Protein backbone atom coordinates (compact mmCIF):
# COMPACT_ATOMS: atom_id res chain seq x y z
CA MET A 1 42.51 3.52 -34.39
CA PRO A 2 43.89 4.38 -30.92
CA THR A 3 45.97 1.75 -29.16
CA ILE A 4 46.07 1.42 -25.37
CA PRO A 5 48.75 -0.79 -23.79
CA LEU A 6 47.43 -3.55 -21.46
CA HIS A 7 49.57 -4.88 -18.59
CA THR A 8 49.23 -7.54 -15.93
CA SER A 9 48.80 -6.28 -12.40
CA PRO A 10 51.81 -6.69 -10.10
CA ALA A 11 51.27 -8.88 -7.04
CA GLN A 12 49.70 -6.74 -4.38
CA THR A 13 51.39 -7.43 -1.08
CA ASN A 14 51.02 -4.60 1.37
CA GLY A 15 51.81 -6.55 4.54
CA LYS A 16 48.19 -6.48 5.71
CA SER A 17 46.36 -9.73 6.25
CA THR A 18 42.81 -9.49 5.00
CA ILE A 19 40.10 -12.00 5.76
CA ASN A 20 38.09 -12.82 2.67
CA PRO A 21 34.72 -14.32 3.62
CA LEU A 22 34.24 -15.94 0.21
CA PRO A 23 35.04 -19.64 -0.11
CA LYS A 24 38.47 -20.31 -1.59
CA VAL A 25 37.18 -21.10 -5.10
CA LEU A 26 35.59 -17.61 -5.29
CA GLN A 27 38.44 -15.62 -3.78
CA THR A 28 40.38 -13.16 -5.85
CA PRO A 29 42.93 -10.64 -4.54
CA GLY A 30 40.29 -7.91 -4.69
CA GLY A 31 37.51 -10.15 -3.38
CA LEU A 32 35.57 -9.94 -6.63
CA ALA A 33 32.84 -12.28 -7.77
CA ILE A 34 30.07 -11.88 -10.32
CA LEU A 35 26.48 -12.00 -9.06
CA GLU A 36 23.82 -12.78 -11.63
CA ILE A 37 20.33 -11.91 -10.49
CA GLN A 38 17.61 -12.68 -13.02
CA GLY A 39 15.12 -10.01 -12.08
CA SER A 40 15.28 -6.76 -10.18
CA ILE A 41 15.81 -5.89 -6.55
CA ASN A 42 13.65 -3.13 -5.09
CA LEU A 43 15.82 -1.06 -2.78
CA PRO A 44 14.96 1.90 -0.58
CA ALA A 45 16.30 5.28 -1.65
CA ALA A 46 19.68 6.33 -0.27
CA SER A 47 19.53 8.93 2.47
CA PRO A 48 21.84 11.96 2.58
CA SER A 49 23.33 10.69 5.84
CA SER A 50 24.04 7.25 4.35
CA PRO A 51 24.62 7.35 0.58
CA THR A 52 25.31 3.60 0.38
CA ILE A 53 22.53 1.04 0.56
CA SER A 54 23.04 -2.43 1.97
CA ILE A 55 21.61 -4.89 -0.54
CA GLY A 56 22.03 -7.88 1.72
CA ARG A 57 24.45 -10.63 2.64
CA LEU A 58 25.71 -13.79 0.99
CA VAL A 59 25.63 -17.04 2.94
CA PHE A 60 27.18 -20.33 1.84
CA PRO A 61 25.32 -22.76 4.18
CA ASP A 62 27.16 -25.95 3.13
CA TYR A 63 30.68 -24.46 3.06
CA THR A 64 33.26 -25.53 5.62
CA ALA A 65 36.76 -24.08 5.65
CA ASP A 66 38.29 -27.43 6.62
CA GLY A 67 36.61 -29.28 3.75
CA SER A 68 38.46 -31.00 0.93
CA PRO A 69 39.31 -28.70 -2.03
CA GLU A 70 37.91 -31.36 -4.38
CA ASN A 71 34.52 -31.30 -2.61
CA LYS A 72 32.47 -28.73 -4.50
CA SER A 73 29.06 -29.77 -3.14
CA TRP A 74 28.80 -26.49 -1.19
CA MET A 75 28.56 -24.69 -4.56
CA ASN A 76 25.03 -26.08 -5.06
CA LYS A 77 23.44 -23.74 -2.51
CA VAL A 78 24.04 -20.04 -1.87
CA HIS A 79 21.65 -17.67 -0.13
CA LEU A 80 21.41 -13.93 -0.73
CA TYR A 81 19.41 -12.26 2.04
CA VAL A 82 17.88 -9.00 0.80
CA GLY A 83 16.88 -6.79 3.69
CA GLN A 84 15.32 -8.64 6.60
CA HIS A 85 12.44 -10.36 4.84
CA GLN A 86 13.61 -11.94 1.56
CA ARG A 87 16.01 -14.71 0.61
CA LEU A 88 17.20 -15.71 -2.85
CA THR A 89 18.63 -19.18 -3.34
CA GLY A 90 21.24 -19.73 -6.01
CA GLU A 91 24.37 -21.65 -6.91
CA VAL A 92 27.98 -21.12 -7.91
CA LYS A 93 28.78 -21.80 -11.56
CA LYS A 94 32.07 -21.76 -13.43
CA LEU A 95 32.06 -19.21 -16.24
CA PRO A 96 32.44 -20.76 -19.72
CA ASN A 97 35.01 -18.05 -20.46
CA PRO A 98 36.85 -16.20 -17.68
CA VAL A 99 36.20 -12.46 -17.43
CA ALA A 100 39.05 -9.99 -17.01
CA VAL A 101 38.45 -6.86 -14.95
CA ILE A 102 40.68 -4.04 -16.16
CA ARG A 103 41.42 -0.64 -14.71
CA LYS A 104 43.40 2.43 -15.66
CA ARG A 105 47.01 1.95 -14.68
CA ASP A 106 48.34 4.29 -12.04
CA SER A 107 51.91 4.76 -13.21
CA GLY A 108 52.49 8.08 -11.49
CA GLU A 109 53.85 9.44 -14.75
CA ALA A 110 52.66 12.30 -16.87
CA ILE A 111 49.37 11.86 -18.71
CA ALA A 112 51.05 13.01 -21.90
CA GLU A 113 52.37 9.49 -22.42
CA GLY A 114 48.79 8.23 -22.83
CA ASP A 115 46.55 6.01 -20.83
CA GLU A 116 47.57 2.48 -19.97
CA LEU A 117 45.42 -0.33 -18.61
CA GLU A 118 46.17 -3.25 -16.34
CA ILE A 119 44.35 -6.46 -15.56
CA ALA A 120 43.07 -6.07 -12.00
CA GLU A 121 41.38 -9.47 -11.67
CA ILE A 122 40.37 -12.53 -13.61
CA VAL A 123 37.02 -13.91 -12.49
CA TYR A 124 36.32 -17.61 -13.09
CA PHE A 125 33.05 -18.12 -11.20
CA LYS A 126 29.68 -16.46 -10.83
CA VAL A 127 26.94 -16.78 -8.26
CA ILE A 128 23.61 -17.09 -10.06
CA PHE A 129 20.18 -16.50 -8.56
CA SER A 130 17.46 -17.62 -10.96
CA SER A 131 14.59 -18.39 -8.60
CA ARG A 132 12.01 -16.08 -7.05
CA PRO A 133 12.72 -14.66 -3.57
CA GLU A 134 11.41 -16.54 -0.57
CA PRO A 135 9.95 -14.76 2.47
CA VAL A 136 11.91 -15.21 5.70
CA GLY A 137 11.06 -14.19 9.26
CA THR A 138 13.20 -11.94 11.42
């Protein structure tokens, strides 16, 4: 049975200040969050000039940056706008068990020593969308 060493990720401080648009409870150093969509999203095909497709945007309508950290009422409503004509409404839920995101460790050393993994993030929350999309006007 092969064994692969697992390490914690060193603190990533590169001197750059990044603005993370997620509310504080959802922020991770990499800006990761889990989205759970119960259904499928129909997306247009990617074009050769633009290989990435914009799925939409997340909006936390009840979130205020100056709010009390104990006030979690903003977690009850999250909108995911898909394209210009659909909106999914969901909520933020704490995961029963945190999920670790791991990646191959970049040690800069020879591959002969074997692969090593590091924990890139630990995700504690998910944004869940369980209702049908609502039509919205432009």
